[in-house]
Amino acid sequence: MKKRMIFFFLGLVCLMGRVEIVVGQEVAAHPDSSAEKVGGAPVVVHGVIRSDHEPDNPVLSFFKTYTYKSRYAPGVQTVELPVMEGSILEGRGRRERIFEYVLPDMDSLGYLSVGLGNDLPIIDRFIVLPGDTLILYLDLRFGGVYFEGNAVERMELQQQLAWMDRTEKAFRQATLVIDDHSKITEDPMYVERYRDLVTRNAPRMLFLRPGEEETAYLMQDLPHADDPALLKKLDFISQSGLDANLKRLLSDNVRSNYYADFIHRFNGAYKLAELRKDTAQTNRLQDIMESDLKGKMEAMLGEEWHPEAFGPVDLFGKWSIFLRRAEGISQFEALRRIHPPWFREKAMVAYFSTRYEYVVEAGDQLEAYLGEVQDPYLRRYLFNLLSLKQEGGSLQHFDFVDEHGEKFDLDRLKGKVTLLDFYITGCRACLGFFEKTIKPLQEAYGDRDDFQILAISADKSEAMWRESVALERYSTPDMINLHSEGKAKGHPFFVHYNISGFPRKMILDREGRIYQFSGIPYSYPEISKVIESALNKNGTPSAGQ
């Protein structure tokens, strides 16, 4: 078999809480057989990007075990690939860029996503099987995605389903819930334009009054099994030439995504009602939960879903948020109701991975739940997660650099309580956290010898980071400012601790170990209590204590 060797730039692969460095990969012409050989068969990806400008590097994410939609989720292998300029040897022009990758010895079904840089994936969680050869042509001039290879029917079917979803969302009526829309439509900036839209009956924002009008519009989309759009997708799958197992898998993903979309919107409406303290609306939504949704969802929980479907995992995660609001229980307790156990365990992994630092009792919940986990891989991951984030754990992969390009010396953590503040430029929540919390903390504790704040940027651009520091929007020059060296969210520390949203924070004790990672409050009065507690632990009490 004729082989070629392709060498990659360093790529990060996040698997089982570890970061592996991919420096080379053997790419081969695919074997004729789909491999009944022991250990499975590889999946080979050949890609071409056609663009009139230099595209970002392709990023491939392979979901061997699906827990939630993120290239940094546990069980996901993610690589950023270099591209080569096309040449006459490949039959490609100079405006075409070529990339190749192989997933060696796949032994079971998985999901593949392909995107460019940090953009949303162009191919989003498509089913791949051992022995697949995928030839992708991404034409960025026209937004086209084309397939060849031995899995072309399956790829094109999934692309068509994705196109149907995107079309529905693109043309879904835009709405804005507001007491008095004249505040917008009569604003001098918009009044003439809005009147012109009305006169021409052109597409425009639909303004809804909070409460009954908002609810009535939401209920127009109440999910039901005979929805024409849903039936169209299911019929499209049933008429395909795929085998019965794959048809069932795709159908389960489509059906669960359909219900999950509505539950997500419903949860959003409930959260907005809570934020505006609209008790009548929250009561109204709770009535709908009981009368229209709860029975449907409990019936779906009892269905025999395809064990490798990702849609039910997402659906049950959103449903747990729904139950938390409807019954006043914790999301953890809501997740415990999921059956069968393999979906419950995946949804639990998503919960602990994404919510650990927001829930004070997350560590205790995880410790209590570990004994129930049956899947060895997920149990090992959750055990590692608990060990990693619980009090007393040591920092891993803290390889950030200062303004001089020097790596931060961990010995500088000794003898001081340290607040780690992770942010990214352009994040409004990060800006608010800096103004309302970090600044007051720096003013109150900045002169102390036993306390420090490390402001750590996840910006991909070093120039942007330096400008942010100079402008004092997210930190100040007199704080310790660190940067990810352009690795952004792919930095091993962020991958290891599953930090993909910002702002995030961590408090370290005087030994440089984790003092608190879960449930750290955002407000200055509350977070200062945690810092005081850390300072007073085996240390000198603060003034006034």
Protein backbone atom coordinates (compact mmCIF):
# COMPACT_ATOMS: atom_id res chain seq x y z
CA MET A 1 0.00 0.00 0.00
CA LYS A 2 1.42 3.32 -1.08
CA LYS A 3 1.89 5.70 1.85
CA ARG A 4 2.72 9.31 2.42
CA MET A 5 3.81 11.09 5.56
CA ILE A 6 2.15 14.37 6.47
CA PHE A 7 3.63 16.44 9.30
CA PHE A 8 1.39 18.78 11.22
CA PHE A 9 2.04 21.84 13.29
CA LEU A 10 1.59 21.15 16.97
CA GLY A 11 -2.07 20.38 17.59
CA LEU A 12 -3.91 19.88 20.83
CA VAL A 13 -5.84 16.72 21.37
CA CYS A 14 -8.06 16.70 24.43
CA LEU A 15 -8.92 13.19 25.49
CA MET A 16 -9.59 11.85 28.97
CA GLY A 17 -8.61 15.12 30.55
CA ARG A 18 -5.14 14.93 29.02
CA VAL A 19 -3.53 17.14 26.44
CA GLU A 20 -1.57 15.30 23.80
CA ILE A 21 0.66 16.93 21.22
CA VAL A 22 0.19 15.71 17.66
CA VAL A 23 3.38 16.25 15.68
CA GLY A 24 2.93 13.88 12.80
CA GLN A 25 0.38 11.64 11.22
CA GLU A 26 0.64 8.92 8.66
CA VAL A 27 -1.90 9.22 5.89
CA ALA A 28 -2.45 6.30 3.61
CA ALA A 29 -4.58 5.34 0.69
CA HIS A 30 -7.57 3.63 2.26
CA PRO A 31 -7.68 -0.16 2.46
CA ASP A 32 -10.24 -1.76 0.20
CA SER A 33 -11.92 -3.59 3.03
CA SER A 34 -13.90 -1.75 5.71
CA ALA A 35 -11.97 -3.84 7.95
CA GLU A 36 -12.91 -6.65 9.83
CA LYS A 37 -9.38 -6.57 11.16
CA VAL A 38 -8.85 -6.55 14.91
CA GLY A 39 -8.77 -2.98 16.24
CA GLY A 40 -11.13 -1.59 13.60
CA ALA A 41 -10.26 0.51 10.59
CA PRO A 42 -9.13 4.09 10.03
CA VAL A 43 -11.21 7.03 8.85
CA VAL A 44 -9.33 9.09 6.27
CA VAL A 45 -10.24 12.71 5.56
CA HIS A 46 -9.00 14.46 2.41
CA GLY A 47 -10.01 18.13 2.23
CA VAL A 48 -9.81 20.98 -0.26
CA ILE A 49 -10.60 24.60 0.61
CA ARG A 50 -11.32 27.00 -2.28
CA SER A 51 -11.06 30.62 -1.27
CA ASP A 52 -10.05 33.97 -2.74
CA HIS A 53 -8.28 34.86 0.52
CA GLU A 54 -6.05 32.96 2.93
CA PRO A 55 -8.43 30.81 5.02
CA ASP A 56 -8.03 29.94 8.68
CA ASN A 57 -6.64 26.48 9.29
CA PRO A 58 -9.20 23.67 9.37
CA VAL A 59 -10.09 22.28 12.79
CA LEU A 60 -11.33 18.69 13.04
CA SER A 61 -13.12 17.39 16.14
CA PHE A 62 -13.89 13.71 16.53
CA PHE A 63 -16.48 12.78 19.17
CA LYS A 64 -15.79 9.19 20.18
CA THR A 65 -17.95 9.60 23.30
CA TYR A 66 -20.51 12.40 23.07
CA THR A 67 -21.31 14.34 26.24
CA TYR A 68 -21.96 17.87 24.97
CA LYS A 69 -21.33 20.07 21.97
CA SER A 70 -17.82 21.46 22.37
CA ARG A 71 -14.51 20.71 20.70
CA TYR A 72 -13.03 20.71 24.22
CA ALA A 73 -15.52 18.27 25.77
CA PRO A 74 -14.25 15.01 27.29
CA GLY A 75 -13.95 12.23 24.78
CA VAL A 76 -13.28 14.65 21.90
CA GLN A 77 -10.10 14.55 19.83
CA THR A 78 -9.48 17.99 18.31
CA VAL A 79 -6.70 18.93 15.91
CA GLU A 80 -5.88 22.09 14.00
CA LEU A 81 -4.37 21.12 10.66
CA PRO A 82 -1.96 23.00 8.42
CA VAL A 83 -2.91 23.47 4.77
CA MET A 84 -0.77 23.12 1.65
CA GLU A 85 -1.13 25.17 -1.49
CA GLY A 86 -2.57 23.10 -4.32
CA SER A 87 -0.28 22.17 -7.18
CA ILE A 88 -0.38 20.46 -10.55
CA LEU A 89 0.53 17.19 -8.84
CA GLU A 90 -2.80 17.10 -7.01
CA GLY A 91 -4.65 18.62 -9.93
CA ARG A 92 -5.41 21.71 -7.84
CA GLY A 93 -4.91 25.43 -8.40
CA ARG A 94 -2.97 27.85 -6.22
CA ARG A 95 -6.18 29.24 -4.69
CA GLU A 96 -7.04 25.79 -3.40
CA ARG A 97 -5.68 24.61 -0.07
CA ILE A 98 -5.29 20.93 0.77
CA PHE A 99 -5.40 19.15 4.12
CA GLU A 100 -5.43 15.50 5.14
CA TYR A 101 -5.97 13.57 8.34
CA VAL A 102 -6.47 10.00 9.49
CA LEU A 103 -8.25 8.69 12.57
CA PRO A 104 -6.43 5.38 13.06
CA ASP A 105 -8.10 2.13 13.99
CA MET A 106 -11.61 3.32 14.76
CA ASP A 107 -13.56 0.45 16.27
CA SER A 108 -17.02 2.01 16.54
CA LEU A 109 -19.25 4.80 15.32
CA GLY A 110 -18.30 8.39 16.09
CA TYR A 111 -19.17 11.98 15.12
CA LEU A 112 -17.00 14.38 13.13
CA SER A 113 -17.09 18.19 13.04
CA VAL A 114 -15.02 20.32 10.68
CA GLY A 115 -14.64 24.08 10.93
CA LEU A 116 -12.17 26.85 10.13
CA GLY A 117 -10.33 28.49 13.00
CA ASN A 118 -12.63 29.46 15.86
CA ASP A 119 -15.71 29.77 13.65
CA LEU A 120 -18.73 27.53 14.06
CA PRO A 121 -18.33 24.13 12.37
CA ILE A 122 -19.23 23.82 8.71
CA ILE A 123 -19.82 20.12 9.23
CA ASP A 124 -21.41 19.62 12.63
CA ARG A 125 -21.31 16.17 14.27
CA PHE A 126 -21.70 14.00 11.17
CA ILE A 127 -21.73 10.25 11.69
CA VAL A 128 -18.52 8.50 10.63
CA LEU A 129 -17.87 4.76 10.63
CA PRO A 130 -14.71 2.64 10.63
CA GLY A 131 -13.43 2.40 7.07
CA ASP A 132 -14.83 5.73 5.86
CA THR A 133 -12.89 7.76 3.31
CA LEU A 134 -14.23 11.33 3.24
CA ILE A 135 -13.32 13.74 0.48
CA LEU A 136 -14.51 17.26 1.32
CA TYR A 137 -14.53 20.29 -0.94
CA LEU A 138 -15.23 23.53 0.94
CA ASP A 139 -15.91 26.36 -1.50
CA LEU A 140 -15.85 29.51 0.62
CA ARG A 141 -16.74 31.71 -2.37
CA PHE A 142 -20.27 30.33 -2.53
CA GLY A 143 -20.61 28.66 0.87
CA GLY A 144 -20.70 25.24 -0.79
CA VAL A 145 -19.80 21.91 0.83
CA TYR A 146 -19.35 18.92 -1.47
CA PHE A 147 -18.59 15.28 -0.75
CA GLU A 148 -16.97 12.29 -2.40
CA GLY A 149 -15.69 8.99 -1.05
CA ASN A 150 -17.25 5.74 0.12
CA ALA A 151 -19.66 7.46 2.55
CA VAL A 152 -21.01 10.11 0.18
CA GLU A 153 -24.71 9.20 0.57
CA ARG A 154 -24.53 9.40 4.37
CA MET A 155 -22.60 12.69 4.25
CA GLU A 156 -24.96 14.31 1.75
CA LEU A 157 -28.00 13.18 3.73
CA GLN A 158 -26.63 14.73 6.92
CA GLN A 159 -25.72 17.92 5.05
CA GLN A 160 -29.28 18.16 3.72
CA LEU A 161 -30.71 17.71 7.23
CA ALA A 162 -28.36 20.41 8.52
CA TRP A 163 -29.44 22.70 5.67
CA MET A 164 -33.11 22.18 6.63
CA ASP A 165 -32.33 23.12 10.24
CA ARG A 166 -30.39 26.22 9.24
CA THR A 167 -33.11 27.32 6.83
CA GLU A 168 -35.76 27.06 9.55
CA LYS A 169 -33.69 29.12 11.98
CA ALA A 170 -32.63 31.66 9.36
CA PHE A 171 -36.25 32.47 8.48
CA ARG A 172 -37.74 32.14 11.96
CA GLN A 173 -39.55 35.35 12.86
CA ALA A 174 -37.31 37.61 14.94
CA THR A 175 -39.07 38.75 18.13
CA LEU A 176 -38.37 41.21 20.91
CA VAL A 177 -40.26 41.20 24.20
CA ILE A 178 -40.77 44.81 25.29
CA ASP A 179 -43.42 46.77 27.23
CA ASP A 180 -43.58 49.68 24.80
CA HIS A 181 -42.09 49.15 21.34
CA SER A 182 -42.50 52.84 20.54
CA LYS A 183 -39.30 53.38 22.53
CA ILE A 184 -37.60 51.83 19.52
CA THR A 185 -39.94 52.43 16.58
CA GLU A 186 -40.39 56.12 17.41
CA ASP A 187 -36.74 56.73 18.15
CA PRO A 188 -35.43 59.38 15.72
CA MET A 189 -32.69 56.96 14.68
CA TYR A 190 -35.20 54.33 13.49
CA VAL A 191 -38.59 55.98 12.96
CA GLU A 192 -38.36 56.65 9.20
CA ARG A 193 -36.82 53.28 8.47
CA TYR A 194 -39.47 51.44 10.49
CA ARG A 195 -42.35 53.28 8.82
CA ASP A 196 -40.87 52.39 5.43
CA LEU A 197 -40.73 48.71 6.43
CA VAL A 198 -44.38 48.81 7.51
CA THR A 199 -45.48 50.60 4.33
CA ARG A 200 -43.78 48.00 2.12
CA ASN A 201 -44.83 45.12 4.38
CA ALA A 202 -41.18 44.13 4.46
CA PRO A 203 -39.72 41.60 6.93
CA ARG A 204 -39.24 43.25 10.31
CA MET A 205 -38.99 42.65 14.03
CA LEU A 206 -42.11 41.39 15.79
CA PHE A 207 -42.55 43.22 19.09
CA LEU A 208 -44.33 41.26 21.81
CA ARG A 209 -45.69 42.55 25.09
CA PRO A 210 -44.45 40.62 28.12
CA GLY A 211 -46.87 38.10 29.53
CA GLU A 212 -49.85 36.68 27.67
CA GLU A 213 -48.87 37.94 24.22
CA GLU A 214 -45.32 36.61 24.65
CA THR A 215 -46.65 33.24 25.84
CA ALA A 216 -49.25 32.90 23.08
CA TYR A 217 -46.59 33.39 20.43
CA LEU A 218 -44.24 30.87 22.08
CA MET A 219 -47.02 28.28 22.27
CA GLN A 220 -47.56 28.43 18.52
CA ASP A 221 -44.37 26.37 18.28
CA LEU A 222 -45.32 23.82 20.94
CA PRO A 223 -43.71 20.59 19.68
CA HIS A 224 -45.91 17.77 18.45
CA ALA A 225 -45.17 14.50 16.68
CA ASP A 226 -47.05 15.43 13.47
CA ASP A 227 -45.26 18.74 12.86
CA PRO A 228 -44.83 18.94 9.03
CA ALA A 229 -41.23 20.17 9.28
CA LEU A 230 -40.31 17.27 11.57
CA LEU A 231 -42.12 14.71 9.42
CA LYS A 232 -40.34 16.02 6.31
CA LYS A 233 -36.93 15.31 7.88
CA LEU A 234 -37.96 11.89 9.18
CA ASP A 235 -39.38 10.94 5.78
CA PHE A 236 -36.17 12.14 4.12
CA ILE A 237 -34.22 9.74 6.34
CA SER A 238 -36.60 6.82 5.84
CA GLN A 239 -36.38 7.14 2.03
CA SER A 240 -32.58 7.03 2.06
CA GLY A 241 -30.50 3.99 1.25
CA LEU A 242 -28.91 3.79 4.71
CA ASP A 243 -29.29 0.67 6.82
CA ALA A 244 -31.98 0.46 9.51
CA ASN A 245 -29.55 1.12 12.38
CA LEU A 246 -28.30 4.40 10.90
CA LYS A 247 -31.83 5.47 9.98
CA ARG A 248 -32.89 4.96 13.58
CA LEU A 249 -29.85 6.85 14.87
CA LEU A 250 -30.41 9.85 12.59
CA SER A 251 -34.15 9.87 13.31
CA ASP A 252 -33.52 9.88 17.07
CA ASN A 253 -31.11 12.80 16.70
CA VAL A 254 -33.61 14.75 14.58
CA ARG A 255 -36.57 14.14 16.91
CA SER A 256 -34.68 14.95 20.11
CA ASN A 257 -33.14 18.10 18.56
CA TYR A 258 -36.64 19.23 17.56
CA TYR A 259 -37.88 19.01 21.15
CA ALA A 260 -34.63 20.37 22.60
CA ASP A 261 -34.92 23.52 20.48
CA PHE A 262 -38.32 24.33 21.98
CA ILE A 263 -37.23 23.50 25.54
CA HIS A 264 -34.25 25.82 25.08
CA ARG A 265 -36.53 28.66 23.97
CA PHE A 266 -38.96 27.95 26.77
CA ASN A 267 -36.16 28.02 29.35
CA GLY A 268 -35.05 31.37 27.88
CA ALA A 269 -38.56 32.82 28.26
CA TYR A 270 -38.69 31.60 31.86
CA LYS A 271 -35.31 33.12 32.66
CA LEU A 272 -36.36 36.48 31.19
CA ALA A 273 -39.51 36.44 33.32
CA GLU A 274 -37.39 35.74 36.40
CA LEU A 275 -35.01 38.60 35.55
CA ARG A 276 -37.84 41.11 35.24
CA LYS A 277 -39.47 39.65 38.41
CA ASP A 278 -42.67 38.91 36.53
CA THR A 279 -44.34 36.46 38.93
CA ALA A 280 -47.52 36.24 36.86
CA GLN A 281 -45.51 35.15 33.82
CA THR A 282 -43.43 32.57 35.70
CA ASN A 283 -46.67 31.13 37.14
CA ARG A 284 -48.17 31.05 33.64
CA LEU A 285 -45.13 29.21 32.27
CA GLN A 286 -45.17 26.75 35.15
CA ASP A 287 -48.81 25.95 34.33
CA ILE A 288 -47.79 25.24 30.73
CA MET A 289 -45.01 22.99 31.99
CA GLU A 290 -47.51 20.94 33.97
CA SER A 291 -50.33 20.87 31.42
CA ASP A 292 -48.56 20.72 28.05
CA LEU A 293 -44.92 19.72 28.40
CA LYS A 294 -44.22 17.57 31.41
CA GLY A 295 -46.22 14.58 30.19
CA LYS A 296 -44.63 14.68 26.74
CA MET A 297 -41.14 14.91 28.13
CA GLU A 298 -41.62 12.14 30.68
CA ALA A 299 -42.89 9.90 27.87
CA MET A 300 -39.77 10.74 25.86
CA LEU A 301 -37.57 9.95 28.85
CA GLY A 302 -39.03 6.46 28.82
CA GLU A 303 -38.37 5.80 25.12
CA GLU A 304 -35.72 3.38 23.89
CA TRP A 305 -33.37 5.81 22.21
CA HIS A 306 -30.46 4.68 20.07
CA PRO A 307 -27.58 4.36 22.59
CA GLU A 308 -25.17 6.28 20.33
CA ALA A 309 -27.52 9.20 19.59
CA PHE A 310 -26.25 12.60 20.73
CA GLY A 311 -29.62 14.39 20.52
CA PRO A 312 -31.16 12.81 23.63
CA VAL A 313 -28.11 13.81 25.70
CA ASP A 314 -28.64 17.46 24.72
CA LEU A 315 -32.41 17.19 25.20
CA PHE A 316 -32.18 15.71 28.69
CA GLY A 317 -29.66 18.34 29.73
CA LYS A 318 -32.07 21.13 28.74
CA TRP A 319 -34.94 19.21 30.34
CA SER A 320 -33.05 19.12 33.66
CA ILE A 321 -32.92 22.94 33.63
CA PHE A 322 -36.65 22.91 32.88
CA LEU A 323 -37.35 20.58 35.86
CA ARG A 324 -35.19 22.68 38.16
CA ARG A 325 -37.46 25.62 37.51
CA ALA A 326 -40.74 23.69 37.42
CA GLU A 327 -40.24 21.73 40.63
CA GLY A 328 -37.70 23.82 42.52
CA ILE A 329 -35.15 21.00 42.66
CA SER A 330 -31.46 21.12 41.82
CA GLN A 331 -30.33 20.35 38.28
CA PHE A 332 -28.31 17.49 39.74
CA GLU A 333 -31.45 15.89 41.18
CA ALA A 334 -33.28 16.44 37.89
CA LEU A 335 -30.52 14.65 35.98
CA ARG A 336 -30.79 11.67 38.31
CA ARG A 337 -34.23 10.95 36.82
CA ILE A 338 -32.84 10.27 33.35
CA HIS A 339 -33.08 6.72 32.04
CA PRO A 340 -31.31 4.70 30.74
CA PRO A 341 -28.07 5.09 32.71
CA TRP A 342 -25.79 5.66 29.70
CA PHE A 343 -27.67 8.88 28.82
CA ARG A 344 -27.79 9.94 32.46
CA GLU A 345 -24.03 9.47 32.81
CA LYS A 346 -23.27 11.51 29.68
CA ALA A 347 -25.62 14.30 30.80
CA MET A 348 -23.97 14.26 34.23
CA VAL A 349 -20.54 14.64 32.63
CA ALA A 350 -21.84 17.68 30.73
CA TYR A 351 -23.27 19.13 33.94
CA PHE A 352 -20.14 18.71 36.03
CA SER A 353 -17.84 19.81 33.20
CA THR A 354 -19.71 23.04 32.47
CA ARG A 355 -21.33 23.93 35.79
CA TYR A 356 -18.76 22.89 38.39
CA GLU A 357 -17.48 26.37 39.16
CA TYR A 358 -20.99 27.85 39.39
CA VAL A 359 -22.50 25.40 41.88
CA VAL A 360 -21.18 25.59 45.44
CA GLU A 361 -22.08 21.99 46.26
CA ALA A 362 -20.77 20.56 42.94
CA GLY A 363 -17.84 18.81 44.60
CA ASP A 364 -20.08 17.05 47.13
CA GLN A 365 -22.55 16.12 44.37
CA LEU A 366 -19.83 14.62 42.23
CA GLU A 367 -18.32 12.69 45.12
CA ALA A 368 -21.76 11.24 45.92
CA TYR A 369 -22.49 10.35 42.29
CA LEU A 370 -19.19 8.67 41.35
CA GLY A 371 -20.19 5.31 42.80
CA GLU A 372 -23.20 5.12 40.49
CA VAL A 373 -21.28 5.55 37.21
CA GLN A 374 -21.10 2.33 35.19
CA ASP A 375 -19.14 3.43 32.12
CA PRO A 376 -15.40 2.99 32.95
CA TYR A 377 -14.30 5.87 30.73
CA LEU A 378 -16.83 8.34 32.15
CA ARG A 379 -16.16 7.19 35.73
CA ARG A 380 -12.43 7.72 35.24
CA TYR A 381 -13.05 11.15 33.71
CA LEU A 382 -15.32 12.26 36.58
CA PHE A 383 -12.85 10.94 39.16
CA ASN A 384 -10.07 12.94 37.49
CA LEU A 385 -12.32 15.99 37.33
CA LEU A 386 -13.01 15.78 41.07
CA SER A 387 -9.33 15.33 41.87
CA LEU A 388 -8.44 18.22 39.57
CA LYS A 389 -10.90 20.80 40.87
CA GLN A 390 -11.46 19.98 44.51
CA GLU A 391 -9.86 21.91 47.35
CA GLY A 392 -6.18 21.18 47.78
CA GLY A 393 -5.52 20.22 44.16
CA SER A 394 -2.33 21.47 42.53
CA LEU A 395 -2.36 23.56 39.36
CA GLN A 396 -1.73 21.71 36.11
CA HIS A 397 -0.44 23.17 32.82
CA PHE A 398 -0.20 26.74 34.20
CA ASP A 399 2.14 27.76 31.38
CA PHE A 400 1.17 31.39 30.81
CA VAL A 401 3.58 34.17 29.88
CA ASP A 402 3.98 37.79 30.97
CA GLU A 403 4.52 40.92 28.88
CA HIS A 404 8.20 40.01 28.48
CA GLY A 405 7.41 36.56 27.10
CA GLU A 406 8.65 34.89 30.30
CA LYS A 407 6.70 31.94 31.73
CA PHE A 408 5.10 32.66 35.09
CA ASP A 409 7.07 31.15 37.98
CA LEU A 410 4.73 29.11 40.19
CA ASP A 411 6.93 29.88 43.20
CA ARG A 412 5.41 33.38 43.09
CA LEU A 413 2.17 31.81 44.33
CA LYS A 414 3.73 30.69 47.60
CA GLY A 415 2.82 32.70 50.70
CA LYS A 416 -0.06 34.55 49.03
CA VAL A 417 -3.75 34.01 48.48
CA THR A 418 -4.23 34.39 44.72
CA LEU A 419 -7.31 35.19 42.66
CA LEU A 420 -7.02 33.94 39.08
CA ASP A 421 -9.24 36.02 36.78
CA PHE A 422 -9.62 34.56 33.26
CA TYR A 423 -11.05 36.86 30.59
CA ILE A 424 -11.17 37.46 26.86
CA THR A 425 -11.26 40.82 25.07
CA GLY A 426 -14.72 41.78 23.83
CA CYS A 427 -16.54 39.91 26.61
CA ARG A 428 -19.08 42.29 28.20
CA ALA A 429 -19.47 40.06 31.26
CA CYS A 430 -15.67 40.19 31.74
CA LEU A 431 -15.77 43.96 31.52
CA GLY A 432 -18.54 44.12 34.14
CA PHE A 433 -16.71 41.71 36.44
CA PHE A 434 -13.57 43.84 36.23
CA GLU A 435 -15.40 47.11 36.94
CA LYS A 436 -17.65 45.86 39.73
CA THR A 437 -15.47 43.24 41.39
CA ILE A 438 -11.81 43.14 40.36
CA LYS A 439 -11.24 46.90 40.70
CA PRO A 440 -12.74 47.09 44.22
CA LEU A 441 -10.73 44.01 45.24
CA GLN A 442 -7.52 45.58 43.95
CA GLU A 443 -8.29 48.78 45.84
CA ALA A 444 -9.12 46.91 49.06
CA TYR A 445 -6.37 44.28 49.02
CA GLY A 446 -3.77 45.58 46.55
CA ASP A 447 -1.40 46.82 49.24
CA ARG A 448 -1.30 43.53 51.09
CA ASP A 449 1.77 41.31 50.84
CA ASP A 450 -0.28 38.13 51.17
CA PHE A 451 -2.79 38.67 48.35
CA GLN A 452 -2.50 39.07 44.59
CA ILE A 453 -4.64 39.02 41.45
CA LEU A 454 -3.49 37.36 38.25
CA ALA A 455 -5.38 38.58 35.16
CA ILE A 456 -5.06 35.90 32.48
CA SER A 457 -6.15 36.60 28.91
CA ALA A 458 -7.44 33.97 26.48
CA ASP A 459 -7.01 36.33 23.52
CA LYS A 460 -5.60 34.70 20.39
CA SER A 461 -3.87 37.96 19.45
CA GLU A 462 -1.01 39.13 21.65
CA ALA A 463 -1.40 42.66 20.25
CA MET A 464 -5.07 42.71 21.32
CA TRP A 465 -4.09 41.54 24.80
CA ARG A 466 -1.44 44.24 25.16
CA GLU A 467 -3.89 46.91 23.99
CA SER A 468 -6.53 45.71 26.50
CA VAL A 469 -4.02 45.91 29.35
CA ALA A 470 -2.92 49.40 28.27
CA LEU A 471 -6.54 50.60 28.08
CA GLU A 472 -7.27 49.10 31.54
CA ARG A 473 -10.59 47.62 30.45
CA TYR A 474 -10.13 44.14 31.92
CA SER A 475 -7.07 44.59 34.14
CA THR A 476 -4.54 47.22 35.11
CA PRO A 477 -0.81 47.42 34.34
CA ASP A 478 0.04 47.13 38.06
CA MET A 479 -1.63 43.71 38.25
CA ILE A 480 0.13 40.53 37.15
CA ASN A 481 -0.99 40.19 33.53
CA LEU A 482 -0.51 36.90 31.71
CA HIS A 483 -1.31 35.62 28.22
CA SER A 484 -1.89 32.24 26.55
CA GLU A 485 0.73 32.85 23.80
CA GLY A 486 -1.96 32.84 21.15
CA LYS A 487 -3.30 29.39 22.10
CA ALA A 488 -6.55 31.02 23.27
CA LYS A 489 -9.15 28.47 24.43
CA GLY A 490 -6.90 25.69 23.15
CA HIS A 491 -4.29 26.40 25.83
CA PRO A 492 -3.63 23.17 27.82
CA PHE A 493 -4.76 24.84 31.07
CA PHE A 494 -8.13 25.86 29.61
CA VAL A 495 -8.58 22.43 28.03
CA HIS A 496 -7.55 20.63 31.22
CA TYR A 497 -9.94 22.62 33.44
CA ASN A 498 -12.66 22.81 30.78
CA ILE A 499 -12.65 26.62 30.66
CA SER A 500 -14.29 27.76 27.44
CA GLY A 501 -16.54 30.61 28.62
CA PHE A 502 -15.57 33.82 30.39
CA PRO A 503 -15.13 35.33 32.89
CA ARG A 504 -13.91 32.41 34.97
CA LYS A 505 -12.14 32.52 38.29
CA MET A 506 -10.22 30.38 40.77
CA ILE A 507 -8.89 31.12 44.24
CA LEU A 508 -5.58 29.61 45.40
CA ASP A 509 -4.32 29.24 48.96
CA ARG A 510 -0.92 30.27 50.30
CA GLU A 511 0.62 27.03 49.02
CA GLY A 512 -0.50 27.74 45.45
CA ARG A 513 -3.13 25.00 45.63
CA ILE A 514 -6.82 25.28 44.78
CA TYR A 515 -8.76 26.83 47.65
CA GLN A 516 -12.05 27.19 45.77
CA PHE A 517 -13.13 26.57 42.17
CA SER A 518 -16.86 25.94 42.47
CA GLY A 519 -19.49 28.46 43.46
CA ILE A 520 -17.20 31.51 43.62
CA PRO A 521 -19.55 34.52 43.69
CA TYR A 522 -19.35 37.40 41.22
CA SER A 523 -20.21 40.33 43.48
CA TYR A 524 -17.51 42.17 45.40
CA PRO A 525 -19.15 41.82 48.86
CA GLU A 526 -19.57 38.06 48.45
CA ILE A 527 -16.24 37.20 46.82
CA SER A 528 -14.39 39.29 49.42
CA LYS A 529 -15.83 36.96 52.11
CA VAL A 530 -14.27 33.98 50.33
CA ILE A 531 -10.94 35.82 50.08
CA GLU A 532 -11.08 36.76 53.77
CA SER A 533 -11.70 33.11 54.61
CA ALA A 534 -8.70 32.07 52.52
CA LEU A 535 -6.51 34.75 54.11
CA ASN A 536 -7.53 33.72 57.61
CA LYS A 537 -6.84 30.03 56.97
CA ASN A 538 -3.45 29.41 58.62
CA GLY A 539 -2.59 33.04 58.11
CA THR A 540 -2.75 36.49 59.63
CA PRO A 541 -6.30 37.79 60.10
CA SER A 542 -7.28 40.78 58.03
CA ALA A 543 -7.80 44.17 59.55
CA GLY A 544 -11.07 44.30 61.45
CA GLN A 545 -11.24 40.51 61.85
